[in-house]
Amino acid sequence: MLLHPFYVSVTEIRHNAAQQELQVSSRIFYDDLERTLKTEYKTPVDILHPADRKAVDGLIADYLGKHLRIVIDGKPLALHYLGYQIEEDAAWCFLEVKGVAGVKKVHIINDILYTEHPEQINMMHVVVKDVRKSTKLDNPERVADFVF
């Protein structure tokens, strides 16, 4: 089991104007995510070597749906979970929202891993029309607003 001295996730939300969609990626230490899923869903979880990949994908999709919420221009969005991949010590989780023509205001509620780690930090990057804005949420802060 890897132990690391800090608890941080990085979520990037990118508006693709040509495809009229939001592309969302969250980089989360896989051991922290795995521990949180085990605790929250009271079931064994193996992200690196899942016996049932669909079941693990289902847990991650459900968890992210509860702990990462995005509102664009006052309209709450339903994130569609695409899957995850492991890169070094992190799980990259990918989501999308289709039918997003334009973006002026982005309201994000992000409390990923807050129940498991009181010292969790969630970094947020939002890219609209090649303009990148970022912020950091320290547990228990969970709301970020961006205006473009």
N, C-alpha and C. Protein backbone atom coordinates (compact mmCIF):
# COMPACT_ATOMS: atom_id res chain seq x y z
N MET A 1 0.85 -1.18 0.00
CA MET A 1 0.00 0.00 0.00
C MET A 1 0.89 1.24 0.00
N LEU A 2 0.66 2.10 -0.94
CA LEU A 2 1.41 3.35 -1.01
C LEU A 2 0.89 4.33 0.02
N LEU A 3 1.81 5.02 0.65
CA LEU A 3 1.42 6.12 1.53
C LEU A 3 2.06 7.38 0.99
N HIS A 4 1.30 8.41 0.91
CA HIS A 4 1.85 9.67 0.44
C HIS A 4 1.51 10.74 1.47
N PRO A 5 2.36 11.75 1.59
CA PRO A 5 2.21 12.70 2.68
C PRO A 5 1.12 13.76 2.48
N PHE A 6 0.51 13.81 1.31
CA PHE A 6 -0.52 14.81 1.09
C PHE A 6 -1.69 14.19 0.35
N TYR A 7 -2.83 14.82 0.47
CA TYR A 7 -4.06 14.31 -0.13
C TYR A 7 -4.60 15.38 -1.06
N VAL A 8 -4.49 15.13 -2.35
CA VAL A 8 -4.90 16.14 -3.33
C VAL A 8 -5.51 15.45 -4.54
N SER A 9 -6.54 16.06 -5.07
CA SER A 9 -7.08 15.64 -6.37
C SER A 9 -6.99 16.85 -7.30
N VAL A 10 -6.95 16.58 -8.59
CA VAL A 10 -6.93 17.65 -9.58
C VAL A 10 -8.05 17.36 -10.58
N THR A 11 -8.97 18.29 -10.71
CA THR A 11 -10.06 18.15 -11.67
C THR A 11 -9.96 19.27 -12.70
N GLU A 12 -9.98 18.87 -13.98
CA GLU A 12 -9.97 19.86 -15.05
C GLU A 12 -11.28 19.74 -15.82
N ILE A 13 -11.91 20.89 -16.03
CA ILE A 13 -13.15 20.96 -16.80
C ILE A 13 -12.84 21.83 -18.01
N ARG A 14 -12.97 21.23 -19.19
CA ARG A 14 -12.63 21.93 -20.42
C ARG A 14 -13.86 21.99 -21.32
N HIS A 15 -14.20 23.21 -21.77
CA HIS A 15 -15.32 23.35 -22.70
C HIS A 15 -14.79 23.22 -24.12
N ASN A 16 -15.33 22.25 -24.84
CA ASN A 16 -14.99 22.07 -26.24
C ASN A 16 -16.13 22.68 -27.05
N ALA A 17 -15.91 23.91 -27.53
CA ALA A 17 -16.98 24.65 -28.22
C ALA A 17 -17.37 23.97 -29.53
N ALA A 18 -16.39 23.44 -30.24
CA ALA A 18 -16.68 22.81 -31.54
C ALA A 18 -17.61 21.60 -31.38
N GLN A 19 -17.39 20.82 -30.33
CA GLN A 19 -18.22 19.64 -30.09
C GLN A 19 -19.37 19.93 -29.11
N GLN A 20 -19.44 21.17 -28.63
CA GLN A 20 -20.48 21.58 -27.68
C GLN A 20 -20.57 20.60 -26.50
N GLU A 21 -19.41 20.38 -25.85
CA GLU A 21 -19.41 19.49 -24.70
C GLU A 21 -18.39 19.94 -23.66
N LEU A 22 -18.63 19.50 -22.44
CA LEU A 22 -17.66 19.68 -21.37
C LEU A 22 -16.90 18.37 -21.24
N GLN A 23 -15.59 18.46 -21.18
CA GLN A 23 -14.75 17.29 -20.97
C GLN A 23 -14.14 17.44 -19.59
N VAL A 24 -14.37 16.45 -18.74
CA VAL A 24 -13.96 16.52 -17.35
C VAL A 24 -13.01 15.37 -17.04
N SER A 25 -11.89 15.70 -16.42
CA SER A 25 -10.98 14.66 -15.95
C SER A 25 -10.60 14.96 -14.51
N SER A 26 -10.60 13.92 -13.69
CA SER A 26 -10.20 14.05 -12.29
C SER A 26 -9.07 13.08 -12.01
N ARG A 27 -7.97 13.62 -11.48
CA ARG A 27 -6.82 12.79 -11.11
C ARG A 27 -6.86 12.64 -9.60
N ILE A 28 -7.04 11.39 -9.15
CA ILE A 28 -7.20 11.09 -7.74
C ILE A 28 -6.23 9.96 -7.40
N PHE A 29 -5.50 10.07 -6.29
CA PHE A 29 -4.65 8.96 -5.87
C PHE A 29 -5.52 7.71 -5.77
N TYR A 30 -5.12 6.65 -6.50
CA TYR A 30 -6.01 5.48 -6.58
C TYR A 30 -6.19 4.80 -5.23
N ASP A 31 -5.16 4.82 -4.36
CA ASP A 31 -5.31 4.16 -3.07
C ASP A 31 -6.33 4.90 -2.19
N ASP A 32 -6.33 6.23 -2.26
CA ASP A 32 -7.32 7.02 -1.51
C ASP A 32 -8.72 6.78 -2.05
N LEU A 33 -8.85 6.76 -3.37
CA LEU A 33 -10.16 6.53 -3.99
C LEU A 33 -10.68 5.14 -3.62
N GLU A 34 -9.79 4.16 -3.70
CA GLU A 34 -10.16 2.78 -3.38
C GLU A 34 -10.65 2.67 -1.93
N ARG A 35 -9.91 3.29 -1.00
CA ARG A 35 -10.28 3.25 0.42
C ARG A 35 -11.62 3.93 0.64
N THR A 36 -11.83 5.06 -0.03
CA THR A 36 -13.09 5.80 0.12
C THR A 36 -14.26 4.98 -0.42
N LEU A 37 -14.08 4.35 -1.57
CA LEU A 37 -15.14 3.52 -2.15
C LEU A 37 -15.47 2.34 -1.23
N LYS A 38 -14.44 1.69 -0.66
CA LYS A 38 -14.66 0.57 0.27
C LYS A 38 -15.50 1.03 1.46
N THR A 39 -15.15 2.20 2.01
CA THR A 39 -15.86 2.73 3.18
C THR A 39 -17.28 3.12 2.83
N GLU A 40 -17.44 3.87 1.74
CA GLU A 40 -18.75 4.40 1.38
C GLU A 40 -19.74 3.31 0.94
N TYR A 41 -19.24 2.31 0.19
CA TYR A 41 -20.14 1.30 -0.37
C TYR A 41 -20.07 -0.04 0.37
N LYS A 42 -19.21 -0.08 1.42
CA LYS A 42 -19.08 -1.28 2.25
C LYS A 42 -18.90 -2.55 1.42
N THR A 43 -17.95 -2.48 0.49
CA THR A 43 -17.65 -3.62 -0.37
C THR A 43 -16.17 -3.57 -0.73
N PRO A 44 -15.55 -4.74 -0.93
CA PRO A 44 -14.14 -4.73 -1.35
C PRO A 44 -14.00 -4.10 -2.75
N VAL A 45 -12.96 -3.30 -2.93
CA VAL A 45 -12.72 -2.65 -4.21
C VAL A 45 -11.24 -2.79 -4.56
N ASP A 46 -10.96 -3.24 -5.78
CA ASP A 46 -9.58 -3.31 -6.27
C ASP A 46 -9.54 -2.56 -7.60
N ILE A 47 -9.04 -1.33 -7.55
CA ILE A 47 -9.01 -0.48 -8.74
C ILE A 47 -7.94 -0.94 -9.72
N LEU A 48 -6.79 -1.38 -9.20
CA LEU A 48 -5.69 -1.78 -10.08
C LEU A 48 -5.98 -3.07 -10.82
N HIS A 49 -6.53 -4.06 -10.12
CA HIS A 49 -6.80 -5.37 -10.73
C HIS A 49 -8.23 -5.79 -10.43
N PRO A 50 -9.20 -5.07 -11.02
CA PRO A 50 -10.61 -5.37 -10.68
C PRO A 50 -11.05 -6.73 -11.21
N ALA A 51 -11.70 -7.48 -10.34
CA ALA A 51 -12.27 -8.76 -10.78
C ALA A 51 -13.45 -8.48 -11.72
N ASP A 52 -14.14 -7.37 -11.45
CA ASP A 52 -15.29 -6.98 -12.26
C ASP A 52 -15.17 -5.48 -12.56
N ARG A 53 -14.60 -5.17 -13.72
CA ARG A 53 -14.34 -3.76 -14.08
C ARG A 53 -15.63 -2.96 -14.12
N LYS A 54 -16.72 -3.56 -14.62
CA LYS A 54 -17.99 -2.83 -14.70
C LYS A 54 -18.49 -2.42 -13.32
N ALA A 55 -18.30 -3.30 -12.34
CA ALA A 55 -18.74 -2.99 -10.97
C ALA A 55 -17.92 -1.83 -10.40
N VAL A 56 -16.60 -1.85 -10.62
CA VAL A 56 -15.74 -0.77 -10.13
C VAL A 56 -16.11 0.53 -10.83
N ASP A 57 -16.31 0.47 -12.16
CA ASP A 57 -16.74 1.66 -12.90
C ASP A 57 -18.05 2.20 -12.34
N GLY A 58 -18.96 1.32 -11.99
CA GLY A 58 -20.25 1.73 -11.43
C GLY A 58 -20.09 2.46 -10.11
N LEU A 59 -19.19 1.95 -9.25
CA LEU A 59 -18.95 2.60 -7.96
C LEU A 59 -18.33 3.98 -8.15
N ILE A 60 -17.34 4.07 -9.04
CA ILE A 60 -16.68 5.35 -9.28
C ILE A 60 -17.67 6.35 -9.88
N ALA A 61 -18.46 5.89 -10.84
CA ALA A 61 -19.46 6.77 -11.48
C ALA A 61 -20.45 7.29 -10.44
N ASP A 62 -20.93 6.41 -9.57
CA ASP A 62 -21.88 6.82 -8.54
C ASP A 62 -21.22 7.80 -7.56
N TYR A 63 -20.00 7.49 -7.14
CA TYR A 63 -19.30 8.34 -6.18
C TYR A 63 -19.06 9.74 -6.76
N LEU A 64 -18.54 9.80 -7.98
CA LEU A 64 -18.27 11.10 -8.59
C LEU A 64 -19.57 11.87 -8.83
N GLY A 65 -20.64 11.15 -9.16
CA GLY A 65 -21.93 11.80 -9.34
C GLY A 65 -22.43 12.49 -8.09
N LYS A 66 -22.05 11.96 -6.92
CA LYS A 66 -22.47 12.54 -5.64
C LYS A 66 -21.51 13.63 -5.16
N HIS A 67 -20.24 13.54 -5.53
CA HIS A 67 -19.23 14.39 -4.93
C HIS A 67 -18.58 15.41 -5.88
N LEU A 68 -19.00 15.39 -7.14
CA LEU A 68 -18.54 16.39 -8.10
C LEU A 68 -19.76 16.82 -8.91
N ARG A 69 -20.21 18.05 -8.64
CA ARG A 69 -21.39 18.53 -9.35
C ARG A 69 -21.05 19.85 -10.04
N ILE A 70 -21.56 19.99 -11.25
CA ILE A 70 -21.23 21.16 -12.07
C ILE A 70 -22.53 21.82 -12.54
N VAL A 71 -22.57 23.15 -12.38
CA VAL A 71 -23.70 23.95 -12.83
C VAL A 71 -23.15 24.98 -13.82
N ILE A 72 -23.69 24.98 -15.03
CA ILE A 72 -23.25 25.94 -16.05
C ILE A 72 -24.39 26.94 -16.28
N ASP A 73 -24.07 28.22 -16.11
CA ASP A 73 -25.05 29.29 -16.34
C ASP A 73 -26.38 29.00 -15.65
N GLY A 74 -26.29 28.50 -14.40
CA GLY A 74 -27.49 28.24 -13.60
C GLY A 74 -28.16 26.91 -13.85
N LYS A 75 -27.64 26.11 -14.79
CA LYS A 75 -28.28 24.84 -15.13
C LYS A 75 -27.41 23.67 -14.63
N PRO A 76 -27.92 22.86 -13.67
CA PRO A 76 -27.17 21.70 -13.20
C PRO A 76 -26.98 20.69 -14.34
N LEU A 77 -25.80 20.14 -14.43
CA LEU A 77 -25.50 19.19 -15.50
C LEU A 77 -25.43 17.76 -14.97
N ALA A 78 -25.83 16.82 -15.81
CA ALA A 78 -25.69 15.40 -15.49
C ALA A 78 -24.39 14.92 -16.12
N LEU A 79 -23.41 14.61 -15.28
CA LEU A 79 -22.12 14.13 -15.78
C LEU A 79 -22.26 12.69 -16.25
N HIS A 80 -21.72 12.41 -17.43
CA HIS A 80 -21.71 11.05 -17.96
C HIS A 80 -20.31 10.47 -17.76
N TYR A 81 -20.21 9.42 -16.95
CA TYR A 81 -18.93 8.79 -16.64
C TYR A 81 -18.47 7.94 -17.82
N LEU A 82 -17.22 8.15 -18.25
CA LEU A 82 -16.68 7.42 -19.39
C LEU A 82 -15.78 6.26 -18.98
N GLY A 83 -15.10 6.40 -17.85
CA GLY A 83 -14.19 5.35 -17.40
C GLY A 83 -13.00 5.93 -16.68
N TYR A 84 -12.05 5.04 -16.34
CA TYR A 84 -10.83 5.49 -15.67
C TYR A 84 -9.63 4.74 -16.21
N GLN A 85 -8.46 5.33 -16.01
CA GLN A 85 -7.22 4.64 -16.32
C GLN A 85 -6.21 4.97 -15.24
N ILE A 86 -5.31 4.02 -14.99
CA ILE A 86 -4.29 4.20 -13.96
C ILE A 86 -3.03 4.74 -14.61
N GLU A 87 -2.48 5.79 -14.00
CA GLU A 87 -1.21 6.35 -14.46
C GLU A 87 -0.37 6.59 -13.21
N GLU A 88 0.70 5.83 -13.07
CA GLU A 88 1.55 5.87 -11.88
C GLU A 88 0.70 5.61 -10.64
N ASP A 89 0.62 6.57 -9.70
CA ASP A 89 -0.10 6.33 -8.45
C ASP A 89 -1.51 6.92 -8.46
N ALA A 90 -2.00 7.28 -9.65
CA ALA A 90 -3.29 7.97 -9.72
C ALA A 90 -4.27 7.27 -10.65
N ALA A 91 -5.54 7.48 -10.34
CA ALA A 91 -6.62 7.07 -11.24
C ALA A 91 -7.09 8.34 -11.94
N TRP A 92 -7.06 8.33 -13.26
CA TRP A 92 -7.64 9.41 -14.05
C TRP A 92 -9.07 8.99 -14.38
N CYS A 93 -10.03 9.75 -13.92
CA CYS A 93 -11.45 9.45 -14.15
C CYS A 93 -11.97 10.46 -15.18
N PHE A 94 -12.66 9.96 -16.19
CA PHE A 94 -13.10 10.80 -17.30
C PHE A 94 -14.62 10.86 -17.36
N LEU A 95 -15.12 12.10 -17.53
CA LEU A 95 -16.56 12.33 -17.63
C LEU A 95 -16.81 13.34 -18.73
N GLU A 96 -18.06 13.41 -19.18
CA GLU A 96 -18.40 14.41 -20.20
C GLU A 96 -19.85 14.82 -20.04
N VAL A 97 -20.14 15.98 -20.63
CA VAL A 97 -21.52 16.45 -20.74
C VAL A 97 -21.68 16.97 -22.16
N LYS A 98 -22.62 16.40 -22.88
CA LYS A 98 -22.88 16.85 -24.26
C LYS A 98 -23.94 17.94 -24.26
N GLY A 99 -23.98 18.71 -25.34
CA GLY A 99 -25.01 19.72 -25.50
C GLY A 99 -24.76 20.99 -24.71
N VAL A 100 -23.48 21.33 -24.50
CA VAL A 100 -23.15 22.57 -23.79
C VAL A 100 -22.59 23.55 -24.82
N ALA A 101 -23.46 24.43 -25.32
CA ALA A 101 -23.08 25.32 -26.42
C ALA A 101 -22.11 26.40 -25.98
N GLY A 102 -22.40 27.03 -24.86
CA GLY A 102 -21.55 28.12 -24.38
C GLY A 102 -21.43 28.09 -22.87
N VAL A 103 -20.41 28.76 -22.36
CA VAL A 103 -20.18 28.78 -20.92
C VAL A 103 -19.81 30.19 -20.50
N LYS A 104 -20.59 30.72 -19.56
CA LYS A 104 -20.26 32.03 -18.98
C LYS A 104 -19.92 31.89 -17.50
N LYS A 105 -20.78 31.16 -16.77
CA LYS A 105 -20.56 30.96 -15.34
C LYS A 105 -20.48 29.47 -15.04
N VAL A 106 -19.47 29.11 -14.27
CA VAL A 106 -19.28 27.71 -13.86
C VAL A 106 -19.33 27.66 -12.34
N HIS A 107 -20.24 26.88 -11.81
CA HIS A 107 -20.39 26.68 -10.37
C HIS A 107 -20.09 25.20 -10.11
N ILE A 108 -19.11 24.95 -9.26
CA ILE A 108 -18.68 23.57 -9.01
C ILE A 108 -18.81 23.27 -7.52
N ILE A 109 -19.36 22.11 -7.23
CA ILE A 109 -19.36 21.58 -5.86
C ILE A 109 -18.49 20.33 -5.89
N ASN A 110 -17.39 20.37 -5.17
CA ASN A 110 -16.42 19.28 -5.21
C ASN A 110 -16.00 18.95 -3.78
N ASP A 111 -16.45 17.79 -3.28
CA ASP A 111 -15.98 17.33 -1.97
C ASP A 111 -15.43 15.91 -2.08
N ILE A 112 -14.73 15.64 -3.17
CA ILE A 112 -14.11 14.34 -3.41
C ILE A 112 -13.15 14.02 -2.26
N LEU A 113 -13.33 12.86 -1.66
CA LEU A 113 -12.49 12.31 -0.59
C LEU A 113 -12.55 13.08 0.73
N TYR A 114 -13.44 14.04 0.86
CA TYR A 114 -13.50 14.83 2.10
C TYR A 114 -13.84 13.98 3.32
N THR A 115 -14.70 12.99 3.16
CA THR A 115 -15.08 12.17 4.32
C THR A 115 -13.90 11.33 4.81
N GLU A 116 -13.02 10.97 3.92
CA GLU A 116 -11.89 10.09 4.26
C GLU A 116 -10.68 10.86 4.76
N HIS A 117 -10.48 12.07 4.25
CA HIS A 117 -9.26 12.83 4.56
C HIS A 117 -9.59 14.27 4.97
N PRO A 118 -9.52 14.59 6.25
CA PRO A 118 -9.78 15.96 6.70
C PRO A 118 -8.84 16.98 6.05
N GLU A 119 -7.64 16.53 5.63
CA GLU A 119 -6.68 17.47 5.04
C GLU A 119 -6.70 17.44 3.51
N GLN A 120 -7.75 16.87 2.93
CA GLN A 120 -7.87 16.79 1.47
C GLN A 120 -7.89 18.18 0.82
N ILE A 121 -7.20 18.30 -0.30
CA ILE A 121 -7.20 19.52 -1.12
C ILE A 121 -7.67 19.12 -2.52
N ASN A 122 -8.62 19.85 -3.06
CA ASN A 122 -9.09 19.59 -4.42
C ASN A 122 -8.78 20.79 -5.29
N MET A 123 -7.87 20.59 -6.24
CA MET A 123 -7.50 21.62 -7.20
C MET A 123 -8.52 21.59 -8.34
N MET A 124 -8.91 22.78 -8.80
CA MET A 124 -9.88 22.88 -9.89
C MET A 124 -9.31 23.77 -10.99
N HIS A 125 -9.37 23.27 -12.23
CA HIS A 125 -8.98 24.06 -13.40
C HIS A 125 -10.16 24.05 -14.36
N VAL A 126 -10.52 25.23 -14.86
CA VAL A 126 -11.61 25.34 -15.83
C VAL A 126 -11.05 26.08 -17.04
N VAL A 127 -11.26 25.49 -18.24
CA VAL A 127 -10.75 26.09 -19.47
C VAL A 127 -11.94 26.35 -20.40
N VAL A 128 -12.14 27.62 -20.74
CA VAL A 128 -13.19 28.04 -21.66
C VAL A 128 -12.55 28.98 -22.67
N LYS A 129 -12.72 28.69 -23.96
CA LYS A 129 -12.16 29.54 -25.03
C LYS A 129 -10.67 29.81 -24.79
N ASP A 130 -9.92 28.78 -24.47
CA ASP A 130 -8.48 28.86 -24.22
C ASP A 130 -8.10 29.74 -23.04
N VAL A 131 -9.05 30.14 -22.22
CA VAL A 131 -8.76 30.87 -20.98
C VAL A 131 -8.84 29.86 -19.84
N ARG A 132 -7.75 29.76 -19.08
CA ARG A 132 -7.67 28.79 -17.98
C ARG A 132 -7.75 29.54 -16.65
N LYS A 133 -8.69 29.12 -15.79
CA LYS A 133 -8.81 29.68 -14.45
C LYS A 133 -8.72 28.53 -13.46
N SER A 134 -8.08 28.78 -12.33
CA SER A 134 -7.85 27.72 -11.36
C SER A 134 -8.14 28.20 -9.95
N THR A 135 -8.44 27.24 -9.08
CA THR A 135 -8.59 27.53 -7.66
C THR A 135 -8.30 26.26 -6.89
N LYS A 136 -8.18 26.41 -5.59
CA LYS A 136 -7.90 25.30 -4.69
C LYS A 136 -8.96 25.30 -3.61
N LEU A 137 -9.52 24.12 -3.36
CA LEU A 137 -10.50 23.96 -2.28
C LEU A 137 -9.87 23.13 -1.18
N ASP A 138 -9.78 23.71 0.01
CA ASP A 138 -9.28 22.99 1.18
C ASP A 138 -10.48 22.48 1.97
N ASN A 139 -10.50 21.19 2.28
CA ASN A 139 -11.57 20.61 3.08
C ASN A 139 -11.75 21.47 4.33
N PRO A 140 -12.95 21.96 4.64
CA PRO A 140 -14.27 21.59 4.11
C PRO A 140 -14.80 22.50 2.99
N GLU A 141 -13.99 23.40 2.43
CA GLU A 141 -14.48 24.22 1.31
C GLU A 141 -14.87 23.30 0.16
N ARG A 142 -16.03 23.53 -0.42
CA ARG A 142 -16.49 22.62 -1.47
C ARG A 142 -17.07 23.32 -2.68
N VAL A 143 -17.13 24.65 -2.67
CA VAL A 143 -17.76 25.38 -3.76
C VAL A 143 -16.76 26.30 -4.43
N ALA A 144 -16.75 26.25 -5.76
CA ALA A 144 -15.90 27.15 -6.55
C ALA A 144 -16.76 27.76 -7.66
N ASP A 145 -16.55 29.04 -7.91
CA ASP A 145 -17.27 29.73 -8.98
C ASP A 145 -16.27 30.39 -9.92
N PHE A 146 -16.55 30.26 -11.22
CA PHE A 146 -15.72 30.85 -12.25
C PHE A 146 -16.62 31.63 -13.20
N VAL A 147 -16.15 32.79 -13.66
CA VAL A 147 -16.90 33.58 -14.62
C VAL A 147 -15.98 33.84 -15.81
N PHE A 148 -16.51 33.60 -17.00
CA PHE A 148 -15.73 33.79 -18.23
C PHE A 148 -16.35 34.87 -19.10
